[in-house]
Amino acid sequence: MVPFSKLKFEIAELLVREDYALKVEKKGKKAKKYLNLFLKYNDGKPEVQGVTRLSKPSRRTYLKVSDIKAVKNGHGLLVLSTPKGLMGGKQAKKEKMGGEALFSIW
């Protein structure tokens, strides 16, 4: 459970779409909203093995389309904030969109 924000909700929905989490639920009212994120497990092992944060408030990292590379030889996901919203690296490359690299997950 984490406190609710639009960015956290978008990230959670992206993780569900990319099959790293089972589901996300928005609970609470007004100022006391929070997110419930249900992670995915295979035979007792978590689906998420690691996360690396790329952009920080003190140092933003922006990538052009040509700079977007596969994470862990295609077994991971690069999360980008683009003008069309949050996207995975493969989808951003397909749509020819660059943006701020938030984190990579594998």
PDB file of N, CA and C in Angstrom:
ATOM      1  N   MET A   1       0.838  -1.175   0.000  1.00  0.00           N
ATOM      2  CA  MET A   1       0.000   0.000   0.000  1.00  0.00           C
ATOM      3  C   MET A   1       0.887   1.243   0.000  1.00  0.00           C
ATOM      4  N   VAL A   2       0.513   2.205  -0.835  1.00  0.00           N
ATOM      5  CA  VAL A   2       1.233   3.474  -0.915  1.00  0.00           C
ATOM      6  C   VAL A   2       0.223   4.609  -1.012  1.00  0.00           C
ATOM      7  N   PRO A   3       0.588   5.812  -0.574  1.00  0.00           N
ATOM      8  CA  PRO A   3      -0.310   6.950  -0.739  1.00  0.00           C
ATOM      9  C   PRO A   3      -0.589   7.205  -2.219  1.00  0.00           C
ATOM     10  N   PHE A   4      -1.792   7.664  -2.528  1.00  0.00           N
ATOM     11  CA  PHE A   4      -2.226   7.844  -3.911  1.00  0.00           C
ATOM     12  C   PHE A   4      -1.648   9.111  -4.523  1.00  0.00           C
ATOM     13  N   SER A   5      -1.213   9.000  -5.773  1.00  0.00           N
ATOM     14  CA  SER A   5      -0.939  10.136  -6.645  1.00  0.00           C
ATOM     15  C   SER A   5      -1.198   9.655  -8.071  1.00  0.00           C
ATOM     16  N   LYS A   6      -1.444  10.593  -8.967  1.00  0.00           N
ATOM     17  CA  LYS A   6      -1.751  10.221 -10.353  1.00  0.00           C
ATOM     18  C   LYS A   6      -0.568   9.500 -10.999  1.00  0.00           C
ATOM     19  N   LEU A   7       0.657   9.966 -10.729  1.00  0.00           N
ATOM     20  CA  LEU A   7       1.842   9.344 -11.311  1.00  0.00           C
ATOM     21  C   LEU A   7       2.016   7.913 -10.804  1.00  0.00           C
ATOM     22  N   LYS A   8       1.850   7.697  -9.510  1.00  0.00           N
ATOM     23  CA  LYS A   8       1.967   6.348  -8.953  1.00  0.00           C
ATOM     24  C   LYS A   8       0.906   5.421  -9.524  1.00  0.00           C
ATOM     25  N   PHE A   9      -0.310   5.945  -9.729  1.00  0.00           N
ATOM     26  CA  PHE A   9      -1.387   5.148 -10.299  1.00  0.00           C
ATOM     27  C   PHE A   9      -1.074   4.770 -11.744  1.00  0.00           C
ATOM     28  N   GLU A  10      -0.540   5.710 -12.521  1.00  0.00           N
ATOM     29  CA  GLU A  10      -0.157   5.431 -13.916  1.00  0.00           C
ATOM     30  C   GLU A  10       0.954   4.379 -13.973  1.00  0.00           C
ATOM     31  N   ILE A  11       1.935   4.492 -13.086  1.00  0.00           N
ATOM     32  CA  ILE A  11       3.029   3.517 -13.039  1.00  0.00           C
ATOM     33  C   ILE A  11       2.482   2.139 -12.684  1.00  0.00           C
ATOM     34  N   ALA A  12       1.590   2.078 -11.704  1.00  0.00           N
ATOM     35  CA  ALA A  12       1.008   0.801 -11.300  1.00  0.00           C
ATOM     36  C   ALA A  12       0.209   0.181 -12.440  1.00  0.00           C
ATOM     37  N   GLU A  13      -0.562   0.982 -13.171  1.00  0.00           N
ATOM     38  CA  GLU A  13      -1.316   0.461 -14.314  1.00  0.00           C
ATOM     39  C   GLU A  13      -0.379  -0.050 -15.406  1.00  0.00           C
ATOM     40  N   LEU A  14       0.744   0.644 -15.630  1.00  0.00           N
ATOM     41  CA  LEU A  14       1.724   0.195 -16.621  1.00  0.00           C
ATOM     42  C   LEU A  14       2.328  -1.145 -16.206  1.00  0.00           C
ATOM     43  N   LEU A  15       2.626  -1.312 -14.919  1.00  0.00           N
ATOM     44  CA  LEU A  15       3.179  -2.583 -14.435  1.00  0.00           C
ATOM     45  C   LEU A  15       2.173  -3.722 -14.595  1.00  0.00           C
ATOM     46  N   VAL A  16       0.897  -3.434 -14.430  1.00  0.00           N
ATOM     47  CA  VAL A  16      -0.130  -4.453 -14.649  1.00  0.00           C
ATOM     48  C   VAL A  16      -0.214  -4.804 -16.133  1.00  0.00           C
ATOM     49  N   ARG A  17      -0.189  -3.775 -16.998  1.00  0.00           N
ATOM     50  CA  ARG A  17      -0.242  -4.021 -18.454  1.00  0.00           C
ATOM     51  C   ARG A  17       0.953  -4.827 -18.938  1.00  0.00           C
ATOM     52  N   GLU A  18       2.129  -4.561 -18.373  1.00  0.00           N
ATOM     53  CA  GLU A  18       3.354  -5.236 -18.795  1.00  0.00           C
ATOM     54  C   GLU A  18       3.575  -6.552 -18.048  1.00  0.00           C
ATOM     55  N   ASP A  19       2.624  -6.960 -17.223  1.00  0.00           N
ATOM     56  CA  ASP A  19       2.611  -8.269 -16.560  1.00  0.00           C
ATOM     57  C   ASP A  19       3.650  -8.411 -15.439  1.00  0.00           C
ATOM     58  N   TYR A  20       3.943  -7.311 -14.737  1.00  0.00           N
ATOM     59  CA  TYR A  20       4.810  -7.378 -13.568  1.00  0.00           C
ATOM     60  C   TYR A  20       4.003  -7.398 -12.277  1.00  0.00           C
ATOM     61  N   ALA A  21       2.714  -7.052 -12.374  1.00  0.00           N
ATOM     62  CA  ALA A  21       1.828  -7.044 -11.204  1.00  0.00           C
ATOM     63  C   ALA A  21       0.485  -7.625 -11.611  1.00  0.00           C
ATOM     64  N   LEU A  22      -0.246  -8.140 -10.622  1.00  0.00           N
ATOM     65  CA  LEU A  22      -1.553  -8.739 -10.901  1.00  0.00           C
ATOM     66  C   LEU A  22      -2.634  -7.694 -11.108  1.00  0.00           C
ATOM     67  N   LYS A  23      -2.771  -6.799 -10.121  1.00  0.00           N
ATOM     68  CA  LYS A  23      -3.797  -5.767 -10.226  1.00  0.00           C
ATOM     69  C   LYS A  23      -3.452  -4.605  -9.311  1.00  0.00           C
ATOM     70  N   VAL A  24      -4.146  -3.491  -9.534  1.00  0.00           N
ATOM     71  CA  VAL A  24      -3.988  -2.304  -8.704  1.00  0.00           C
ATOM     72  C   VAL A  24      -5.383  -1.827  -8.317  1.00  0.00           C
ATOM     73  N   GLU A  25      -5.518  -1.414  -7.066  1.00  0.00           N
ATOM     74  CA  GLU A  25      -6.799  -0.915  -6.573  1.00  0.00           C
ATOM     75  C   GLU A  25      -6.596   0.462  -5.962  1.00  0.00           C
ATOM     76  N   LYS A  26      -7.546   1.354  -6.239  1.00  0.00           N
ATOM     77  CA  LYS A  26      -7.545   2.686  -5.642  1.00  0.00           C
ATOM     78  C   LYS A  26      -8.575   2.665  -4.519  1.00  0.00           C
ATOM     79  N   LYS A  27      -8.153   2.978  -3.314  1.00  0.00           N
ATOM     80  CA  LYS A  27      -9.035   2.928  -2.140  1.00  0.00           C
ATOM     81  C   LYS A  27      -9.041   4.282  -1.442  1.00  0.00           C
ATOM     82  N   GLY A  28     -10.056   4.508  -0.628  1.00  0.00           N
ATOM     83  CA  GLY A  28     -10.133   5.710   0.187  1.00  0.00           C
ATOM     84  C   GLY A  28     -10.894   6.827  -0.498  1.00  0.00           C
ATOM     85  N   LYS A  29     -11.045   7.931   0.238  1.00  0.00           N
ATOM     86  CA  LYS A  29     -11.771   9.100  -0.250  1.00  0.00           C
ATOM     87  C   LYS A  29     -10.948  10.352  -0.019  1.00  0.00           C
ATOM     88  N   LYS A  30     -11.095  11.296  -0.916  1.00  0.00           N
ATOM     89  CA  LYS A  30     -10.496  12.628  -0.864  1.00  0.00           C
ATOM     90  C   LYS A  30      -9.023  12.597  -0.466  1.00  0.00           C
ATOM     91  N   ALA A  31      -8.668  13.148   0.681  1.00  0.00           N
ATOM     92  CA  ALA A  31      -7.258  13.291   1.066  1.00  0.00           C
ATOM     93  C   ALA A  31      -6.644  11.989   1.572  1.00  0.00           C
ATOM     94  N   LYS A  32      -7.459  10.969   1.850  1.00  0.00           N
ATOM     95  CA  LYS A  32      -6.927   9.727   2.407  1.00  0.00           C
ATOM     96  C   LYS A  32      -6.954   8.587   1.399  1.00  0.00           C
ATOM     97  N   LYS A  33      -6.620   8.882   0.136  1.00  0.00           N
ATOM     98  CA  LYS A  33      -6.584   7.840  -0.887  1.00  0.00           C
ATOM     99  C   LYS A  33      -5.259   7.097  -0.810  1.00  0.00           C
ATOM    100  N   TYR A  34      -5.301   5.839  -1.181  1.00  0.00           N
ATOM    101  CA  TYR A  34      -4.072   5.062  -1.285  1.00  0.00           C
ATOM    102  C   TYR A  34      -4.241   3.995  -2.350  1.00  0.00           C
ATOM    103  N   LEU A  35      -3.119   3.438  -2.770  1.00  0.00           N
ATOM    104  CA  LEU A  35      -3.090   2.399  -3.801  1.00  0.00           C
ATOM    105  C   LEU A  35      -2.726   1.066  -3.176  1.00  0.00           C
ATOM    106  N   ASN A  36      -3.388   0.041  -3.610  1.00  0.00           N
ATOM    107  CA  ASN A  36      -3.034  -1.330  -3.267  1.00  0.00           C
ATOM    108  C   ASN A  36      -2.491  -1.973  -4.530  1.00  0.00           C
ATOM    109  N   LEU A  37      -1.245  -2.374  -4.546  1.00  0.00           N
ATOM    110  CA  LEU A  37      -0.638  -3.010  -5.705  1.00  0.00           C
ATOM    111  C   LEU A  37      -0.330  -4.454  -5.347  1.00  0.00           C
ATOM    112  N   PHE A  38      -0.875  -5.382  -6.120  1.00  0.00           N
ATOM    113  CA  PHE A  38      -0.668  -6.806  -5.886  1.00  0.00           C
ATOM    114  C   PHE A  38       0.411  -7.304  -6.839  1.00  0.00           C
ATOM    115  N   LEU A  39       1.554  -7.676  -6.294  1.00  0.00           N
ATOM    116  CA  LEU A  39       2.679  -8.135  -7.106  1.00  0.00           C
ATOM    117  C   LEU A  39       2.459  -9.567  -7.561  1.00  0.00           C
ATOM    118  N   LYS A  40       3.154  -9.932  -8.618  1.00  0.00           N
ATOM    119  CA  LYS A  40       3.010 -11.251  -9.216  1.00  0.00           C
ATOM    120  C   LYS A  40       4.148 -12.156  -8.740  1.00  0.00           C
ATOM    121  N   TYR A  41       3.824 -13.429  -8.472  1.00  0.00           N
ATOM    122  CA  TYR A  41       4.804 -14.410  -8.017  1.00  0.00           C
ATOM    123  C   TYR A  41       4.728 -15.657  -8.888  1.00  0.00           C
ATOM    124  N   ASN A  42       5.877 -16.297  -9.130  1.00  0.00           N
ATOM    125  CA  ASN A  42       5.965 -17.583  -9.829  1.00  0.00           C
ATOM    126  C   ASN A  42       6.643 -18.585  -8.913  1.00  0.00           C
ATOM    127  N   ASP A  43       5.933 -19.590  -8.471  1.00  0.00           N
ATOM    128  CA  ASP A  43       6.468 -20.619  -7.571  1.00  0.00           C
ATOM    129  C   ASP A  43       7.110 -20.017  -6.325  1.00  0.00           C
ATOM    130  N   GLY A  44       6.492 -19.007  -5.767  1.00  0.00           N
ATOM    131  CA  GLY A  44       6.988 -18.392  -4.543  1.00  0.00           C
ATOM    132  C   GLY A  44       8.062 -17.339  -4.752  1.00  0.00           C
ATOM    133  N   LYS A  45       8.558 -17.181  -5.982  1.00  0.00           N
ATOM    134  CA  LYS A  45       9.569 -16.166  -6.285  1.00  0.00           C
ATOM    135  C   LYS A  45       8.886 -14.948  -6.892  1.00  0.00           C
ATOM    136  N   PRO A  46       9.290 -13.742  -6.483  1.00  0.00           N
ATOM    137  CA  PRO A  46       8.662 -12.553  -7.052  1.00  0.00           C
ATOM    138  C   PRO A  46       9.023 -12.378  -8.527  1.00  0.00           C
ATOM    139  N   GLU A  47       8.091 -11.860  -9.294  1.00  0.00           N
ATOM    140  CA  GLU A  47       8.311 -11.599 -10.717  1.00  0.00           C
ATOM    141  C   GLU A  47       9.320 -10.468 -10.896  1.00  0.00           C
ATOM    142  N   VAL A  48       9.314  -9.500  -9.995  1.00  0.00           N
ATOM    143  CA  VAL A  48      10.238  -8.370 -10.057  1.00  0.00           C
ATOM    144  C   VAL A  48      11.526  -8.753  -9.332  1.00  0.00           C
ATOM    145  N   GLN A  49      12.616  -8.787 -10.066  1.00  0.00           N
ATOM    146  CA  GLN A  49      13.912  -9.147  -9.482  1.00  0.00           C
ATOM    147  C   GLN A  49      14.724  -7.924  -9.072  1.00  0.00           C
ATOM    148  N   GLY A  50      14.518  -6.804  -9.782  1.00  0.00           N
ATOM    149  CA  GLY A  50      15.278  -5.609  -9.455  1.00  0.00           C
ATOM    150  C   GLY A  50      14.701  -4.375 -10.114  1.00  0.00           C
ATOM    151  N   VAL A  51      15.021  -3.212  -9.525  1.00  0.00           N
ATOM    152  CA  VAL A  51      14.571  -1.918 -10.035  1.00  0.00           C
ATOM    153  C   VAL A  51      15.728  -0.941  -9.921  1.00  0.00           C
ATOM    154  N   THR A  52      15.938  -0.151 -10.960  1.00  0.00           N
ATOM    155  CA  THR A  52      16.964   0.887 -10.931  1.00  0.00           C
ATOM    156  C   THR A  52      16.322   2.216 -11.288  1.00  0.00           C
ATOM    157  N   ARG A  53      16.456   3.177 -10.406  1.00  0.00           N
ATOM    158  CA  ARG A  53      15.911   4.512 -10.668  1.00  0.00           C
ATOM    159  C   ARG A  53      16.889   5.280 -11.537  1.00  0.00           C
ATOM    160  N   LEU A  54      16.394   5.869 -12.625  1.00  0.00           N
ATOM    161  CA  LEU A  54      17.266   6.575 -13.555  1.00  0.00           C
ATOM    162  C   LEU A  54      17.206   8.086 -13.361  1.00  0.00           C
ATOM    163  N   SER A  55      16.017   8.665 -13.287  1.00  0.00           N
ATOM    164  CA  SER A  55      15.863  10.098 -13.059  1.00  0.00           C
ATOM    165  C   SER A  55      15.652  10.377 -11.584  1.00  0.00           C
ATOM    166  N   LYS A  56      16.275  11.440 -11.135  1.00  0.00           N
ATOM    167  CA  LYS A  56      16.117  11.885  -9.757  1.00  0.00           C
ATOM    168  C   LYS A  56      15.771  13.371  -9.795  1.00  0.00           C
ATOM    169  N   PRO A  57      15.231  13.916  -8.727  1.00  0.00           N
ATOM    170  CA  PRO A  57      14.921  15.345  -8.751  1.00  0.00           C
ATOM    171  C   PRO A  57      16.147  16.220  -9.022  1.00  0.00           C
ATOM    172  N   SER A  58      17.304  15.802  -8.563  1.00  0.00           N
ATOM    173  CA  SER A  58      18.511  16.601  -8.769  1.00  0.00           C
ATOM    174  C   SER A  58      19.159  16.354 -10.126  1.00  0.00           C
ATOM    175  N   ARG A  59      18.785  15.244 -10.783  1.00  0.00           N
ATOM    176  CA  ARG A  59      19.396  14.919 -12.081  1.00  0.00           C
ATOM    177  C   ARG A  59      18.390  14.168 -12.946  1.00  0.00           C
ATOM    178  N   ARG A  60      17.754  14.891 -13.844  1.00  0.00           N
ATOM    179  CA  ARG A  60      16.782  14.298 -14.754  1.00  0.00           C
ATOM    180  C   ARG A  60      17.527  13.658 -15.929  1.00  0.00           C
ATOM    181  N   THR A  61      17.030  12.511 -16.392  1.00  0.00           N
ATOM    182  CA  THR A  61      17.635  11.806 -17.519  1.00  0.00           C
ATOM    183  C   THR A  61      16.619  11.729 -18.638  1.00  0.00           C
ATOM    184  N   TYR A  62      16.953  12.327 -19.774  1.00  0.00           N
ATOM    185  CA  TYR A  62      16.075  12.319 -20.938  1.00  0.00           C
ATOM    186  C   TYR A  62      16.709  11.483 -22.037  1.00  0.00           C
ATOM    187  N   LEU A  63      15.892  10.713 -22.734  1.00  0.00           N
ATOM    188  CA  LEU A  63      16.373   9.848 -23.801  1.00  0.00           C
ATOM    189  C   LEU A  63      15.664  10.168 -25.105  1.00  0.00           C
ATOM    190  N   LYS A  64      16.448  10.216 -26.193  1.00  0.00           N
ATOM    191  CA  LYS A  64      15.865  10.307 -27.525  1.00  0.00           C
ATOM    192  C   LYS A  64      15.478   8.896 -27.946  1.00  0.00           C
ATOM    193  N   VAL A  65      14.745   8.795 -29.025  1.00  0.00           N
ATOM    194  CA  VAL A  65      14.320   7.480 -29.518  1.00  0.00           C
ATOM    195  C   VAL A  65      15.531   6.613 -29.822  1.00  0.00           C
ATOM    196  N   SER A  66      16.566   7.195 -30.398  1.00  0.00           N
ATOM    197  CA  SER A  66      17.756   6.423 -30.759  1.00  0.00           C
ATOM    198  C   SER A  66      18.541   5.944 -29.538  1.00  0.00           C
ATOM    199  N   ASP A  67      18.329   6.581 -28.376  1.00  0.00           N
ATOM    200  CA  ASP A  67      19.048   6.208 -27.152  1.00  0.00           C
ATOM    201  C   ASP A  67      18.336   5.131 -26.336  1.00  0.00           C
ATOM    202  N   ILE A  68      17.100   4.771 -26.688  1.00  0.00           N
ATOM    203  CA  ILE A  68      16.340   3.779 -25.928  1.00  0.00           C
ATOM    204  C   ILE A  68      16.888   2.391 -26.232  1.00  0.00           C
ATOM    205  N   LYS A  69      17.383   1.718 -25.218  1.00  0.00           N
ATOM    206  CA  LYS A  69      17.967   0.378 -25.353  1.00  0.00           C
ATOM    207  C   LYS A  69      17.145  -0.633 -24.566  1.00  0.00           C
ATOM    208  N   ALA A  70      17.303  -1.897 -24.896  1.00  0.00           N
ATOM    209  CA  ALA A  70      16.606  -2.975 -24.192  1.00  0.00           C
ATOM    210  C   ALA A  70      17.213  -3.152 -22.798  1.00  0.00           C
ATOM    211  N   VAL A  71      16.370  -3.467 -21.845  1.00  0.00           N
ATOM    212  CA  VAL A  71      16.810  -3.709 -20.465  1.00  0.00           C
ATOM    213  C   VAL A  71      16.971  -5.212 -20.278  1.00  0.00           C
ATOM    214  N   LYS A  72      18.132  -5.642 -19.812  1.00  0.00           N
ATOM    215  CA  LYS A  72      18.421  -7.062 -19.556  1.00  0.00           C
ATOM    216  C   LYS A  72      18.111  -7.921 -20.784  1.00  0.00           C
ATOM    217  N   ASN A  73      18.616  -7.490 -21.932  1.00  0.00           N
ATOM    218  CA  ASN A  73      18.439  -8.212 -23.200  1.00  0.00           C
ATOM    219  C   ASN A  73      16.973  -8.483 -23.535  1.00  0.00           C
ATOM    220  N   GLY A  74      16.108  -7.522 -23.252  1.00  0.00           N
ATOM    221  CA  GLY A  74      14.695  -7.649 -23.576  1.00  0.00           C
ATOM    222  C   GLY A  74      13.860  -8.288 -22.494  1.00  0.00           C
ATOM    223  N   HIS A  75      14.457  -8.687 -21.375  1.00  0.00           N
ATOM    224  CA  HIS A  75      13.708  -9.321 -20.281  1.00  0.00           C
ATOM    225  C   HIS A  75      13.259  -8.309 -19.231  1.00  0.00           C
ATOM    226  N   GLY A  76      13.520  -7.031 -19.457  1.00  0.00           N
ATOM    227  CA  GLY A  76      13.141  -5.998 -18.508  1.00  0.00           C
ATOM    228  C   GLY A  76      12.292  -4.940 -19.177  1.00  0.00           C
ATOM    229  N   LEU A  77      12.008  -3.892 -18.436  1.00  0.00           N
ATOM    230  CA  LEU A  77      11.144  -2.825 -18.906  1.00  0.00           C
ATOM    231  C   LEU A  77      11.755  -1.483 -18.523  1.00  0.00           C
ATOM    232  N   LEU A  78      11.854  -0.591 -19.500  1.00  0.00           N
ATOM    233  CA  LEU A  78      12.272   0.782 -19.261  1.00  0.00           C
ATOM    234  C   LEU A  78      11.011   1.629 -19.249  1.00  0.00           C
ATOM    235  N   VAL A  79      10.784   2.391 -18.184  1.00  0.00           N
ATOM    236  CA  VAL A  79       9.584   3.215 -18.063  1.00  0.00           C
ATOM    237  C   VAL A  79       9.949   4.656 -18.387  1.00  0.00           C
ATOM    238  N   LEU A  80       9.253   5.212 -19.386  1.00  0.00           N
ATOM    239  CA  LEU A  80       9.496   6.570 -19.854  1.00  0.00           C
ATOM    240  C   LEU A  80       8.264   7.435 -19.652  1.00  0.00           C
ATOM    241  N   SER A  81       8.485   8.682 -19.302  1.00  0.00           N
ATOM    242  CA  SER A  81       7.411   9.669 -19.253  1.00  0.00           C
ATOM    243  C   SER A  81       7.500  10.475 -20.541  1.00  0.00           C
ATOM    244  N   THR A  82       6.542  10.287 -21.435  1.00  0.00           N
ATOM    245  CA  THR A  82       6.538  10.933 -22.743  1.00  0.00           C
ATOM    246  C   THR A  82       5.413  11.959 -22.804  1.00  0.00           C
ATOM    247  N   PRO A  83       5.373  12.772 -23.861  1.00  0.00           N
ATOM    248  CA  PRO A  83       4.250  13.703 -24.010  1.00  0.00           C
ATOM    249  C   PRO A  83       2.894  13.003 -24.125  1.00  0.00           C
ATOM    250  N   LYS A  84       2.860  11.735 -24.511  1.00  0.00           N
ATOM    251  CA  LYS A  84       1.614  10.976 -24.600  1.00  0.00           C
ATOM    252  C   LYS A  84       1.338  10.155 -23.346  1.00  0.00           C
ATOM    253  N   GLY A  85       2.070  10.374 -22.268  1.00  0.00           N
ATOM    254  CA  GLY A  85       1.879   9.649 -21.019  1.00  0.00           C
ATOM    255  C   GLY A  85       2.997   8.663 -20.767  1.00  0.00           C
ATOM    256  N   LEU A  86       2.840   7.831 -19.742  1.00  0.00           N
ATOM    257  CA  LEU A  86       3.855   6.826 -19.406  1.00  0.00           C
ATOM    258  C   LEU A  86       3.818   5.684 -20.410  1.00  0.00           C
ATOM    259  N   MET A  87       5.008   5.219 -20.806  1.00  0.00           N
ATOM    260  CA  MET A  87       5.122   4.120 -21.761  1.00  0.00           C
ATOM    261  C   MET A  87       6.319   3.265 -21.405  1.00  0.00           C
ATOM    262  N   GLY A  88       6.261   2.024 -21.868  1.00  0.00           N
ATOM    263  CA  GLY A  88       7.420   1.157 -21.803  1.00  0.00           C
ATOM    264  C   GLY A  88       8.375   1.517 -22.926  1.00  0.00           C
ATOM    265  N   GLY A  89       9.606   1.087 -22.834  1.00  0.00           N
ATOM    266  CA  GLY A  89      10.616   1.418 -23.830  1.00  0.00           C
ATOM    267  C   GLY A  89      10.278   0.921 -25.228  1.00  0.00           C
ATOM    268  N   LYS A  90       9.759  -0.304 -25.328  1.00  0.00           N
ATOM    269  CA  LYS A  90       9.416  -0.865 -26.641  1.00  0.00           C
ATOM    270  C   LYS A  90       8.299  -0.070 -27.303  1.00  0.00           C
ATOM    271  N   GLN A  91       7.279   0.278 -26.528  1.00  0.00           N
ATOM    272  CA  GLN A  91       6.155   1.028 -27.066  1.00  0.00           C
ATOM    273  C   GLN A  91       6.592   2.437 -27.479  1.00  0.00           C
ATOM    274  N   ALA A  92       7.440   3.085 -26.683  1.00  0.00           N
ATOM    275  CA  ALA A  92       7.923   4.421 -27.000  1.00  0.00           C
ATOM    276  C   ALA A  92       8.757   4.391 -28.278  1.00  0.00           C
ATOM    277  N   LYS A  93       9.561   3.352 -28.445  1.00  0.00           N
ATOM    278  CA  LYS A  93      10.380   3.227 -29.648  1.00  0.00           C
ATOM    279  C   LYS A  93       9.493   3.011 -30.875  1.00  0.00           C
ATOM    280  N   LYS A  94       8.430   2.205 -30.704  1.00  0.00           N
ATOM    281  CA  LYS A  94       7.514   1.939 -31.806  1.00  0.00           C
ATOM    282  C   LYS A  94       6.784   3.215 -32.238  1.00  0.00           C
ATOM    283  N   GLU A  95       6.413   4.052 -31.260  1.00  0.00           N
ATOM    284  CA  GLU A  95       5.707   5.295 -31.552  1.00  0.00           C
ATOM    285  C   GLU A  95       6.655   6.458 -31.823  1.00  0.00           C
ATOM    286  N   LYS A  96       7.970   6.189 -31.807  1.00  0.00           N
ATOM    287  CA  LYS A  96       9.002   7.191 -32.062  1.00  0.00           C
ATOM    288  C   LYS A  96       8.884   8.387 -31.117  1.00  0.00           C
ATOM    289  N   MET A  97       8.812   8.064 -29.811  1.00  0.00           N
ATOM    290  CA  MET A  97       8.687   9.078 -28.774  1.00  0.00           C
ATOM    291  C   MET A  97       9.845   8.946 -27.787  1.00  0.00           C
ATOM    292  N   GLY A  98      10.485  10.047 -27.491  1.00  0.00           N
ATOM    293  CA  GLY A  98      11.472  10.074 -26.440  1.00  0.00           C
ATOM    294  C   GLY A  98      10.857  10.685 -25.195  1.00  0.00           C
ATOM    295  N   GLY A  99      11.623  10.763 -24.123  1.00  0.00           N
ATOM    296  CA  GLY A  99      11.097  11.372 -22.907  1.00  0.00           C
ATOM    297  C   GLY A  99      12.018  11.150 -21.720  1.00  0.00           C
ATOM    298  N   GLU A 100      11.490  11.413 -20.545  1.00  0.00           N
ATOM    299  CA  GLU A 100      12.264  11.260 -19.320  1.00  0.00           C
ATOM    300  C   GLU A 100      12.257   9.798 -18.882  1.00  0.00           C
ATOM    301  N   ALA A 101      13.420   9.218 -18.696  1.00  0.00           N
ATOM    302  CA  ALA A 101      13.561   7.838 -18.252  1.00  0.00           C
ATOM    303  C   ALA A 101      13.393   7.804 -16.739  1.00  0.00           C
ATOM    304  N   LEU A 102      12.299   7.230 -16.259  1.00  0.00           N
ATOM    305  CA  LEU A 102      12.034   7.201 -14.824  1.00  0.00           C
ATOM    306  C   LEU A 102      12.788   6.083 -14.120  1.00  0.00           C
ATOM    307  N   PHE A 103      12.592   4.844 -14.574  1.00  0.00           N
ATOM    308  CA  PHE A 103      13.279   3.699 -13.962  1.00  0.00           C
ATOM    309  C   PHE A 103      13.245   2.512 -14.908  1.00  0.00           C
ATOM    310  N   SER A 104      14.072   1.519 -14.598  1.00  0.00           N
ATOM    311  CA  SER A 104      14.033   0.253 -15.323  1.00  0.00           C
ATOM    312  C   SER A 104      13.745  -0.848 -14.304  1.00  0.00           C
ATOM    313  N   ILE A 105      13.022  -1.862 -14.755  1.00  0.00           N
ATOM    314  CA  ILE A 105      12.597  -2.950 -13.881  1.00  0.00           C
ATOM    315  C   ILE A 105      12.826  -4.263 -14.616  1.00  0.00           C
ATOM    316  N   TRP A 106      13.256  -5.272 -13.892  1.00  0.00           N
ATOM    317  CA  TRP A 106      13.440  -6.587 -14.494  1.00  0.00           C
ATOM    318  C   TRP A 106      13.075  -7.659 -13.520  1.00  0.00           C
TER     319      TRP A 106
END
